[in-house]
Amino acid sequence: MSLFALSIVLVAAFLHALWNALVKGSSDKGLMLAGVAAAHTVFGLVAVFLVAPPDPASWPYLIASVIIHWGYYALLFQAYRFGDLSQVYPISRGMAPALVSLCAFLVIGETMPPAGIAGLVAVSFGICMLALLRGAANADRRAVMVAMVLGCTIAIYSVVDGIGIRLAGSTLGYIAWLSFSEFPITMWVLYGRRKRNEHFPVKRFAKGMVGGLFSIFAYGIALYAATIAPLGAVSAVRESSVIIAALIGLVVFRERPWLGRLIAAAIVASGVILLAVSE
């Protein structure tokens, strides 16, 4: 993985940590996610008129990704329903890099050198260690199962998008159409709130849209990186956002325990370094 690819994926990881921190800190996570999806929709609606459309060869992957992302959002809602996402969500992020690497090998024959594989294992292990520190081992079994399915879902859409973006010819065009396709998510949440006659806090929805902007840039950067680096390596570095978020909680919100979080962060950092020197 080149230094340039590593640098931009680390930026994506930081942005991903920021928008997840916004969602995690909200008392109305459903509305926050609706705001995130709304920001994606607005961005996509504008961008589709300004950038070249993706090549027809990429459309089957784009359509598949849209459907998978809808399932991803539905799983997120279930995770909020069954358990504390801050406990079990790192499981899904920890599973994803290894699954992405395996799927990339099986589907397109993409391989990594031994140092890269070691780095990927270190990143996944460090993230899963963080999940256990947060109490995932004692979480509701349904929540853990949802987290594991989420990990598989993340891996699938990462591989689908990784292949699709390479065939698109227009990276921004692919991202634009993928973003625009999230409008049903916002409509679903808002319709449900209206049906239940629930209050609509505009400021909270606007904060979700700010998180959505971070999310757009984070995933857009990751998709671009997938055109110049192995999918497994990109996924592993990107999912280090979980550790970044944990360190933000450690320093800013003084969350504890601190020692285990630092050890997990060090393991992930060592994995990122191995991925960086593995090319």
C-alpha atoms as a PDB file:
ATOM      1  CA  MET A   1       0.000   0.000   0.000  1.00  0.00           C
ATOM      2  CA  SER A   2       1.591   3.285  -1.095  1.00  0.00           C
ATOM      3  CA  LEU A   3       2.173   6.158   1.339  1.00  0.00           C
ATOM      4  CA  PHE A   4      -0.312   8.296  -0.608  1.00  0.00           C
ATOM      5  CA  ALA A   5      -3.024   5.630  -0.414  1.00  0.00           C
ATOM      6  CA  LEU A   6      -2.345   5.118   3.292  1.00  0.00           C
ATOM      7  CA  SER A   7      -2.534   8.873   3.970  1.00  0.00           C
ATOM      8  CA  ILE A   8      -5.874   9.447   2.262  1.00  0.00           C
ATOM      9  CA  VAL A   9      -7.466   6.361   3.851  1.00  0.00           C
ATOM     10  CA  LEU A  10      -6.345   7.582   7.285  1.00  0.00           C
ATOM     11  CA  VAL A  11      -8.095  10.882   6.510  1.00  0.00           C
ATOM     12  CA  ALA A  12     -11.196   8.858   5.584  1.00  0.00           C
ATOM     13  CA  ALA A  13     -10.914   6.940   8.861  1.00  0.00           C
ATOM     14  CA  PHE A  14     -10.749  10.174  10.853  1.00  0.00           C
ATOM     15  CA  LEU A  15     -13.837  11.578   9.090  1.00  0.00           C
ATOM     16  CA  HIS A  16     -15.644   8.273   9.616  1.00  0.00           C
ATOM     17  CA  ALA A  17     -14.858   8.460  13.335  1.00  0.00           C
ATOM     18  CA  LEU A  18     -16.249  12.004  13.490  1.00  0.00           C
ATOM     19  CA  TRP A  19     -19.630  11.170  11.968  1.00  0.00           C
ATOM     20  CA  ASN A  20     -19.963   8.007  14.044  1.00  0.00           C
ATOM     21  CA  ALA A  21     -19.200  10.044  17.163  1.00  0.00           C
ATOM     22  CA  LEU A  22     -22.017  12.458  16.226  1.00  0.00           C
ATOM     23  CA  VAL A  23     -24.483   9.580  15.843  1.00  0.00           C
ATOM     24  CA  LYS A  24     -23.298   7.830  18.998  1.00  0.00           C
ATOM     25  CA  GLY A  25     -23.635  10.993  21.083  1.00  0.00           C
ATOM     26  CA  SER A  26     -27.204  11.708  19.967  1.00  0.00           C
ATOM     27  CA  SER A  27     -30.246  10.738  21.992  1.00  0.00           C
ATOM     28  CA  ASP A  28     -32.181  10.229  18.740  1.00  0.00           C
ATOM     29  CA  LYS A  29     -29.924   8.048  16.613  1.00  0.00           C
ATOM     30  CA  GLY A  30     -32.658   7.252  14.101  1.00  0.00           C
ATOM     31  CA  LEU A  31     -33.151  10.920  13.235  1.00  0.00           C
ATOM     32  CA  MET A  32     -29.377  11.419  13.080  1.00  0.00           C
ATOM     33  CA  LEU A  33     -29.073   8.600  10.555  1.00  0.00           C
ATOM     34  CA  ALA A  34     -31.934  10.124   8.581  1.00  0.00           C
ATOM     35  CA  GLY A  35     -29.943  13.359   8.481  1.00  0.00           C
ATOM     36  CA  VAL A  36     -26.860  11.488   7.309  1.00  0.00           C
ATOM     37  CA  ALA A  37     -28.835   9.861   4.490  1.00  0.00           C
ATOM     38  CA  ALA A  38     -30.436  13.229   3.616  1.00  0.00           C
ATOM     39  CA  ALA A  39     -27.002  14.829   3.196  1.00  0.00           C
ATOM     40  CA  HIS A  40     -25.996  11.959   0.921  1.00  0.00           C
ATOM     41  CA  THR A  41     -29.159  12.470  -1.124  1.00  0.00           C
ATOM     42  CA  VAL A  42     -28.660  16.223  -1.570  1.00  0.00           C
ATOM     43  CA  PHE A  43     -25.014  15.755  -2.513  1.00  0.00           C
ATOM     44  CA  GLY A  44     -25.887  13.028  -4.993  1.00  0.00           C
ATOM     45  CA  LEU A  45     -28.745  15.018  -6.534  1.00  0.00           C
ATOM     46  CA  VAL A  46     -26.434  17.957  -7.237  1.00  0.00           C
ATOM     47  CA  ALA A  47     -23.442  15.895  -8.298  1.00  0.00           C
ATOM     48  CA  VAL A  48     -25.254  13.721 -10.867  1.00  0.00           C
ATOM     49  CA  PHE A  49     -25.790  16.858 -12.972  1.00  0.00           C
ATOM     50  CA  LEU A  50     -22.194  18.044 -12.652  1.00  0.00           C
ATOM     51  CA  VAL A  51     -20.041  14.948 -13.204  1.00  0.00           C
ATOM     52  CA  ALA A  52     -19.787  12.274 -15.874  1.00  0.00           C
ATOM     53  CA  PRO A  53     -22.031   9.241 -15.252  1.00  0.00           C
ATOM     54  CA  PRO A  54     -20.396   5.913 -14.415  1.00  0.00           C
ATOM     55  CA  ASP A  55     -19.695   3.500 -17.243  1.00  0.00           C
ATOM     56  CA  PRO A  56     -22.538   1.019 -17.969  1.00  0.00           C
ATOM     57  CA  ALA A  57     -20.251  -1.847 -16.934  1.00  0.00           C
ATOM     58  CA  SER A  58     -20.385  -0.594 -13.344  1.00  0.00           C
ATOM     59  CA  TRP A  59     -24.173  -0.279 -13.077  1.00  0.00           C
ATOM     60  CA  PRO A  60     -24.862  -3.877 -11.952  1.00  0.00           C
ATOM     61  CA  TYR A  61     -22.436  -3.321  -9.065  1.00  0.00           C
ATOM     62  CA  LEU A  62     -23.934   0.090  -8.314  1.00  0.00           C
ATOM     63  CA  ILE A  63     -27.474  -1.323  -8.156  1.00  0.00           C
ATOM     64  CA  ALA A  64     -26.305  -4.211  -5.980  1.00  0.00           C
ATOM     65  CA  SER A  65     -24.534  -1.758  -3.670  1.00  0.00           C
ATOM     66  CA  VAL A  66     -27.673   0.372  -3.333  1.00  0.00           C
ATOM     67  CA  ILE A  67     -29.708  -2.638  -2.202  1.00  0.00           C
ATOM     68  CA  ILE A  68     -26.964  -3.768   0.193  1.00  0.00           C
ATOM     69  CA  HIS A  69     -26.698  -0.275   1.699  1.00  0.00           C
ATOM     70  CA  TRP A  70     -30.451  -0.219   2.360  1.00  0.00           C
ATOM     71  CA  GLY A  71     -30.009  -3.486   4.245  1.00  0.00           C
ATOM     72  CA  TYR A  72     -27.049  -1.977   6.084  1.00  0.00           C
ATOM     73  CA  TYR A  73     -29.174   0.897   7.395  1.00  0.00           C
ATOM     74  CA  ALA A  74     -31.923  -1.509   8.443  1.00  0.00           C
ATOM     75  CA  LEU A  75     -29.370  -3.537  10.394  1.00  0.00           C
ATOM     76  CA  LEU A  76     -28.114  -0.383  12.093  1.00  0.00           C
ATOM     77  CA  PHE A  77     -31.639   0.325  13.330  1.00  0.00           C
ATOM     78  CA  GLN A  78     -31.895  -3.216  14.678  1.00  0.00           C
ATOM     79  CA  ALA A  79     -28.550  -2.813  16.441  1.00  0.00           C
ATOM     80  CA  TYR A  80     -29.895   0.319  18.151  1.00  0.00           C
ATOM     81  CA  ARG A  81     -33.007  -1.607  19.126  1.00  0.00           C
ATOM     82  CA  PHE A  82     -31.316  -4.683  20.619  1.00  0.00           C
ATOM     83  CA  GLY A  83     -28.206  -3.297  22.253  1.00  0.00           C
ATOM     84  CA  ASP A  84     -25.615  -0.618  22.833  1.00  0.00           C
ATOM     85  CA  LEU A  85     -24.037   0.004  19.452  1.00  0.00           C
ATOM     86  CA  SER A  86     -20.891   1.338  21.106  1.00  0.00           C
ATOM     87  CA  GLN A  87     -20.385  -2.160  22.520  1.00  0.00           C
ATOM     88  CA  VAL A  88     -21.134  -4.339  19.525  1.00  0.00           C
ATOM     89  CA  TYR A  89     -20.499  -2.131  16.490  1.00  0.00           C
ATOM     90  CA  PRO A  90     -16.693  -2.541  16.725  1.00  0.00           C
ATOM     91  CA  ILE A  91     -17.237  -6.270  16.171  1.00  0.00           C
ATOM     92  CA  SER A  92     -18.645  -5.572  12.712  1.00  0.00           C
ATOM     93  CA  ARG A  93     -15.845  -3.143  11.872  1.00  0.00           C
ATOM     94  CA  GLY A  94     -13.254  -5.638  13.116  1.00  0.00           C
ATOM     95  CA  MET A  95     -14.698  -8.475  11.039  1.00  0.00           C
ATOM     96  CA  ALA A  96     -14.952  -6.458   7.837  1.00  0.00           C
ATOM     97  CA  PRO A  97     -11.274  -6.141   6.752  1.00  0.00           C
ATOM     98  CA  ALA A  98     -10.571  -9.870   6.896  1.00  0.00           C
ATOM     99  CA  LEU A  99     -13.837 -10.665   5.118  1.00  0.00           C
ATOM    100  CA  VAL A 100     -13.129  -8.037   2.444  1.00  0.00           C
ATOM    101  CA  SER A 101      -9.695  -9.501   1.811  1.00  0.00           C
ATOM    102  CA  LEU A 102     -11.129 -13.022   1.579  1.00  0.00           C
ATOM    103  CA  CYS A 103     -13.933 -11.955  -0.768  1.00  0.00           C
ATOM    104  CA  ALA A 104     -11.523  -9.964  -2.945  1.00  0.00           C
ATOM    105  CA  PHE A 105      -9.341 -13.049  -3.271  1.00  0.00           C
ATOM    106  CA  LEU A 106     -12.265 -15.342  -4.107  1.00  0.00           C
ATOM    107  CA  VAL A 107     -14.017 -12.942  -6.511  1.00  0.00           C
ATOM    108  CA  ILE A 108     -11.199 -11.141  -8.342  1.00  0.00           C
ATOM    109  CA  GLY A 109      -8.098 -13.062  -7.242  1.00  0.00           C
ATOM    110  CA  GLU A 110      -6.616 -10.076  -5.388  1.00  0.00           C
ATOM    111  CA  THR A 111      -3.827 -11.081  -3.006  1.00  0.00           C
ATOM    112  CA  MET A 112      -1.657  -9.365  -0.391  1.00  0.00           C
ATOM    113  CA  PRO A 113       1.980  -9.982   0.623  1.00  0.00           C
ATOM    114  CA  PRO A 114       2.672 -11.689   3.983  1.00  0.00           C
ATOM    115  CA  ALA A 115       3.370  -8.366   5.743  1.00  0.00           C
ATOM    116  CA  GLY A 116       0.063  -7.013   4.479  1.00  0.00           C
ATOM    117  CA  ILE A 117      -1.809 -10.074   5.744  1.00  0.00           C
ATOM    118  CA  ALA A 118      -0.121  -9.697   9.142  1.00  0.00           C
ATOM    119  CA  GLY A 119      -1.122  -6.042   9.224  1.00  0.00           C
ATOM    120  CA  LEU A 120      -4.715  -6.862   8.336  1.00  0.00           C
ATOM    121  CA  VAL A 121      -4.878  -9.449  11.142  1.00  0.00           C
ATOM    122  CA  ALA A 122      -3.439  -6.939  13.620  1.00  0.00           C
ATOM    123  CA  VAL A 123      -5.988  -4.276  12.685  1.00  0.00           C
ATOM    124  CA  SER A 124      -8.905  -6.715  12.959  1.00  0.00           C
ATOM    125  CA  PHE A 125      -7.637  -8.110  16.274  1.00  0.00           C
ATOM    126  CA  GLY A 126      -7.142  -4.658  17.781  1.00  0.00           C
ATOM    127  CA  ILE A 127     -10.652  -3.537  16.829  1.00  0.00           C
ATOM    128  CA  CYS A 128     -12.219  -6.735  18.190  1.00  0.00           C
ATOM    129  CA  MET A 129     -10.192  -6.282  21.396  1.00  0.00           C
ATOM    130  CA  LEU A 130     -11.735  -2.833  21.755  1.00  0.00           C
ATOM    131  CA  ALA A 131     -15.189  -4.367  21.312  1.00  0.00           C
ATOM    132  CA  LEU A 132     -14.550  -6.743  24.212  1.00  0.00           C
ATOM    133  CA  LEU A 133     -13.270  -3.892  26.384  1.00  0.00           C
ATOM    134  CA  ARG A 134     -16.548  -2.092  25.760  1.00  0.00           C
ATOM    135  CA  GLY A 135     -18.486  -5.073  27.063  1.00  0.00           C
ATOM    136  CA  ALA A 136     -19.533  -6.801  23.855  1.00  0.00           C
ATOM    137  CA  ALA A 137     -18.922 -10.189  25.468  1.00  0.00           C
ATOM    138  CA  ASN A 138     -21.778  -9.466  27.892  1.00  0.00           C
ATOM    139  CA  ALA A 139     -24.066  -7.753  25.397  1.00  0.00           C
ATOM    140  CA  ASP A 140     -27.470  -9.011  24.295  1.00  0.00           C
ATOM    141  CA  ARG A 141     -26.927 -12.017  22.010  1.00  0.00           C
ATOM    142  CA  ARG A 142     -29.299 -10.545  19.449  1.00  0.00           C
ATOM    143  CA  ALA A 143     -27.184  -7.391  19.320  1.00  0.00           C
ATOM    144  CA  VAL A 144     -24.002  -9.410  18.827  1.00  0.00           C
ATOM    145  CA  MET A 145     -25.637 -11.405  16.033  1.00  0.00           C
ATOM    146  CA  VAL A 146     -26.727  -8.173  14.329  1.00  0.00           C
ATOM    147  CA  ALA A 147     -23.156  -6.863  14.665  1.00  0.00           C
ATOM    148  CA  MET A 148     -21.801 -10.002  12.992  1.00  0.00           C
ATOM    149  CA  VAL A 149     -24.303  -9.716  10.144  1.00  0.00           C
ATOM    150  CA  LEU A 150     -23.321  -6.046   9.853  1.00  0.00           C
ATOM    151  CA  GLY A 151     -19.699  -7.097   9.469  1.00  0.00           C
ATOM    152  CA  CYS A 152     -20.640  -9.392   6.596  1.00  0.00           C
ATOM    153  CA  THR A 153     -22.759  -6.639   5.035  1.00  0.00           C
ATOM    154  CA  ILE A 154     -19.925  -4.110   5.252  1.00  0.00           C
ATOM    155  CA  ALA A 155     -17.555  -6.610   3.655  1.00  0.00           C
ATOM    156  CA  ILE A 156     -19.966  -7.348   0.803  1.00  0.00           C
ATOM    157  CA  TYR A 157     -20.666  -3.725  -0.117  1.00  0.00           C
ATOM    158  CA  SER A 158     -16.956  -2.883   0.200  1.00  0.00           C
ATOM    159  CA  VAL A 159     -16.056  -5.550  -2.355  1.00  0.00           C
ATOM    160  CA  VAL A 160     -19.002  -4.717  -4.638  1.00  0.00           C
ATOM    161  CA  ASP A 161     -18.133  -1.013  -4.580  1.00  0.00           C
ATOM    162  CA  GLY A 162     -14.431  -1.754  -4.941  1.00  0.00           C
ATOM    163  CA  ILE A 163     -15.093  -3.626  -8.184  1.00  0.00           C
ATOM    164  CA  GLY A 164     -17.759  -1.173  -9.359  1.00  0.00           C
ATOM    165  CA  ILE A 165     -15.594   1.900  -8.850  1.00  0.00           C
ATOM    166  CA  ARG A 166     -12.800   0.317 -10.901  1.00  0.00           C
ATOM    167  CA  LEU A 167     -15.214  -0.240 -13.776  1.00  0.00           C
ATOM    168  CA  ALA A 168     -16.983   3.119 -13.470  1.00  0.00           C
ATOM    169  CA  GLY A 169     -14.498   5.293 -15.348  1.00  0.00           C
ATOM    170  CA  SER A 170     -15.943   8.195 -13.329  1.00  0.00           C
ATOM    171  CA  THR A 171     -15.214   7.882  -9.616  1.00  0.00           C
ATOM    172  CA  LEU A 172     -17.324  10.925  -8.740  1.00  0.00           C
ATOM    173  CA  GLY A 173     -20.151   9.726 -10.971  1.00  0.00           C
ATOM    174  CA  TYR A 174     -20.305   6.400  -9.138  1.00  0.00           C
ATOM    175  CA  ILE A 175     -20.237   8.128  -5.740  1.00  0.00           C
ATOM    176  CA  ALA A 176     -22.926  10.614  -6.845  1.00  0.00           C
ATOM    177  CA  TRP A 177     -25.420   7.958  -7.910  1.00  0.00           C
ATOM    178  CA  LEU A 178     -24.687   5.821  -4.849  1.00  0.00           C
ATOM    179  CA  SER A 179     -25.271   8.829  -2.576  1.00  0.00           C
ATOM    180  CA  PHE A 180     -28.491   9.885  -4.317  1.00  0.00           C
ATOM    181  CA  SER A 181     -29.927   6.395  -3.886  1.00  0.00           C
ATOM    182  CA  GLU A 182     -30.179   6.843  -0.110  1.00  0.00           C
ATOM    183  CA  PHE A 183     -33.257   9.104  -0.261  1.00  0.00           C
ATOM    184  CA  PRO A 184     -35.638   6.211   0.656  1.00  0.00           C
ATOM    185  CA  ILE A 185     -33.794   5.883   3.995  1.00  0.00           C
ATOM    186  CA  THR A 186     -34.653   9.450   4.979  1.00  0.00           C
ATOM    187  CA  MET A 187     -38.237   9.081   3.733  1.00  0.00           C
ATOM    188  CA  TRP A 188     -38.670   5.851   5.694  1.00  0.00           C
ATOM    189  CA  VAL A 189     -37.522   7.402   8.983  1.00  0.00           C
ATOM    190  CA  LEU A 190     -39.464  10.660   8.562  1.00  0.00           C
ATOM    191  CA  TYR A 191     -42.657   8.858   7.506  1.00  0.00           C
ATOM    192  CA  GLY A 192     -42.430   6.638  10.575  1.00  0.00           C
ATOM    193  CA  ARG A 193     -42.006   9.632  12.876  1.00  0.00           C
ATOM    194  CA  ARG A 194     -44.944  11.424  11.296  1.00  0.00           C
ATOM    195  CA  LYS A 195     -47.107   8.321  11.568  1.00  0.00           C
ATOM    196  CA  ARG A 196     -46.246   8.079  15.281  1.00  0.00           C
ATOM    197  CA  ASN A 197     -46.772  11.861  15.635  1.00  0.00           C
ATOM    198  CA  GLU A 198     -43.277  12.309  17.079  1.00  0.00           C
ATOM    199  CA  HIS A 199     -41.554  15.658  17.516  1.00  0.00           C
ATOM    200  CA  PHE A 200     -39.108  16.681  14.782  1.00  0.00           C
ATOM    201  CA  PRO A 201     -36.066  18.519  16.260  1.00  0.00           C
ATOM    202  CA  VAL A 202     -34.632  20.461  13.325  1.00  0.00           C
ATOM    203  CA  LYS A 203     -31.249  21.108  14.962  1.00  0.00           C
ATOM    204  CA  ARG A 204     -30.671  17.406  15.549  1.00  0.00           C
ATOM    205  CA  PHE A 205     -31.566  16.590  11.954  1.00  0.00           C
ATOM    206  CA  ALA A 206     -29.192  19.348  10.775  1.00  0.00           C
ATOM    207  CA  LYS A 207     -26.424  17.871  12.937  1.00  0.00           C
ATOM    208  CA  GLY A 208     -27.067  14.542  11.229  1.00  0.00           C
ATOM    209  CA  MET A 209     -26.636  16.231   7.856  1.00  0.00           C
ATOM    210  CA  VAL A 210     -23.260  17.591   9.004  1.00  0.00           C
ATOM    211  CA  GLY A 211     -22.321  14.028   9.900  1.00  0.00           C
ATOM    212  CA  GLY A 212     -23.536  13.027   6.459  1.00  0.00           C
ATOM    213  CA  LEU A 213     -21.058  15.420   4.838  1.00  0.00           C
ATOM    214  CA  PHE A 214     -18.236  13.818   6.814  1.00  0.00           C
ATOM    215  CA  SER A 215     -19.548  10.413   5.750  1.00  0.00           C
ATOM    216  CA  ILE A 216     -19.639  11.382   2.051  1.00  0.00           C
ATOM    217  CA  PHE A 217     -16.038  12.509   2.059  1.00  0.00           C
ATOM    218  CA  ALA A 218     -14.931   9.523   4.142  1.00  0.00           C
ATOM    219  CA  TYR A 219     -16.483   6.894   1.866  1.00  0.00           C
ATOM    220  CA  GLY A 220     -15.638   8.804  -1.303  1.00  0.00           C
ATOM    221  CA  ILE A 221     -11.969   8.878  -0.324  1.00  0.00           C
ATOM    222  CA  ALA A 222     -12.079   5.178   0.557  1.00  0.00           C
ATOM    223  CA  LEU A 223     -13.642   4.329  -2.817  1.00  0.00           C
ATOM    224  CA  TYR A 224     -10.971   6.298  -4.642  1.00  0.00           C
ATOM    225  CA  ALA A 225      -8.285   4.509  -2.627  1.00  0.00           C
ATOM    226  CA  ALA A 226      -9.812   1.201  -3.724  1.00  0.00           C
ATOM    227  CA  THR A 227      -8.786   2.058  -7.293  1.00  0.00           C
ATOM    228  CA  ILE A 228      -5.092   2.324  -6.355  1.00  0.00           C
ATOM    229  CA  ALA A 229      -4.662  -0.146  -3.456  1.00  0.00           C
ATOM    230  CA  PRO A 230      -5.825  -3.670  -2.460  1.00  0.00           C
ATOM    231  CA  LEU A 231      -9.395  -3.766  -1.151  1.00  0.00           C
ATOM    232  CA  GLY A 232      -8.425  -5.615   2.037  1.00  0.00           C
ATOM    233  CA  ALA A 233      -5.745  -3.063   2.900  1.00  0.00           C
ATOM    234  CA  VAL A 234      -8.096  -0.125   2.279  1.00  0.00           C
ATOM    235  CA  SER A 235     -10.795  -1.723   4.435  1.00  0.00           C
ATOM    236  CA  ALA A 236      -8.357  -2.448   7.272  1.00  0.00           C
ATOM    237  CA  VAL A 237      -6.997   1.100   7.452  1.00  0.00           C
ATOM    238  CA  ARG A 238     -10.475   2.598   7.045  1.00  0.00           C
ATOM    239  CA  GLU A 239     -11.888   0.552   9.921  1.00  0.00           C
ATOM    240  CA  SER A 240      -9.159   1.932  12.192  1.00  0.00           C
ATOM    241  CA  SER A 241     -11.682   4.770  12.573  1.00  0.00           C
ATOM    242  CA  VAL A 242     -13.127   2.745  15.462  1.00  0.00           C
ATOM    243  CA  ILE A 243      -9.842   3.138  17.340  1.00  0.00           C
ATOM    244  CA  ILE A 244      -9.678   6.840  16.446  1.00  0.00           C
ATOM    245  CA  ALA A 245     -13.171   7.275  17.894  1.00  0.00           C
ATOM    246  CA  ALA A 246     -12.133   5.387  21.030  1.00  0.00           C
ATOM    247  CA  LEU A 247      -9.117   7.651  21.482  1.00  0.00           C
ATOM    248  CA  ILE A 248     -11.347  10.704  21.027  1.00  0.00           C
ATOM    249  CA  GLY A 249     -13.543   9.323  23.801  1.00  0.00           C
ATOM    250  CA  LEU A 250     -10.474   8.665  25.955  1.00  0.00           C
ATOM    251  CA  VAL A 251      -9.017  12.176  25.605  1.00  0.00           C
ATOM    252  CA  VAL A 252     -12.085  14.385  25.120  1.00  0.00           C
ATOM    253  CA  PHE A 253     -14.768  12.556  27.129  1.00  0.00           C
ATOM    254  CA  ARG A 254     -12.347  10.819  29.548  1.00  0.00           C
ATOM    255  CA  GLU A 255     -13.897   7.403  28.925  1.00  0.00           C
ATOM    256  CA  ARG A 256     -12.311   4.441  30.670  1.00  0.00           C
ATOM    257  CA  PRO A 257     -10.604   1.932  30.885  1.00  0.00           C
ATOM    258  CA  TRP A 258      -7.668   3.757  29.305  1.00  0.00           C
ATOM    259  CA  LEU A 259      -4.960   1.077  29.355  1.00  0.00           C
ATOM    260  CA  GLY A 260      -6.823  -1.473  27.273  1.00  0.00           C
ATOM    261  CA  ARG A 261      -7.835   1.188  24.746  1.00  0.00           C
ATOM    262  CA  LEU A 262      -4.226   2.299  24.342  1.00  0.00           C
ATOM    263  CA  ILE A 263      -3.078  -1.309  23.865  1.00  0.00           C
ATOM    264  CA  ALA A 264      -5.793  -1.883  21.243  1.00  0.00           C
ATOM    265  CA  ALA A 265      -4.779   1.352  19.516  1.00  0.00           C
ATOM    266  CA  ALA A 266      -1.113   0.284  19.515  1.00  0.00           C
ATOM    267  CA  ILE A 267      -2.016  -3.078  17.948  1.00  0.00           C
ATOM    268  CA  VAL A 268      -4.054  -1.373  15.241  1.00  0.00           C
ATOM    269  CA  ALA A 269      -1.269   1.165  14.635  1.00  0.00           C
ATOM    270  CA  SER A 270       1.258  -1.649  14.193  1.00  0.00           C
ATOM    271  CA  GLY A 271      -1.091  -3.270  11.683  1.00  0.00           C
ATOM    272  CA  VAL A 272      -1.416  -0.018   9.750  1.00  0.00           C
ATOM    273  CA  ILE A 273       2.386   0.292   9.627  1.00  0.00           C
ATOM    274  CA  LEU A 274       2.704  -3.257   8.307  1.00  0.00           C
ATOM    275  CA  LEU A 275       0.123  -2.494   5.626  1.00  0.00           C
ATOM    276  CA  ALA A 276       2.054   0.640   4.719  1.00  0.00           C
ATOM    277  CA  VAL A 277       5.353  -1.187   4.176  1.00  0.00           C
ATOM    278  CA  SER A 278       3.899  -4.333   2.635  1.00  0.00           C
ATOM    279  CA  GLU A 279       3.870  -3.137  -0.987  1.00  0.00           C
END
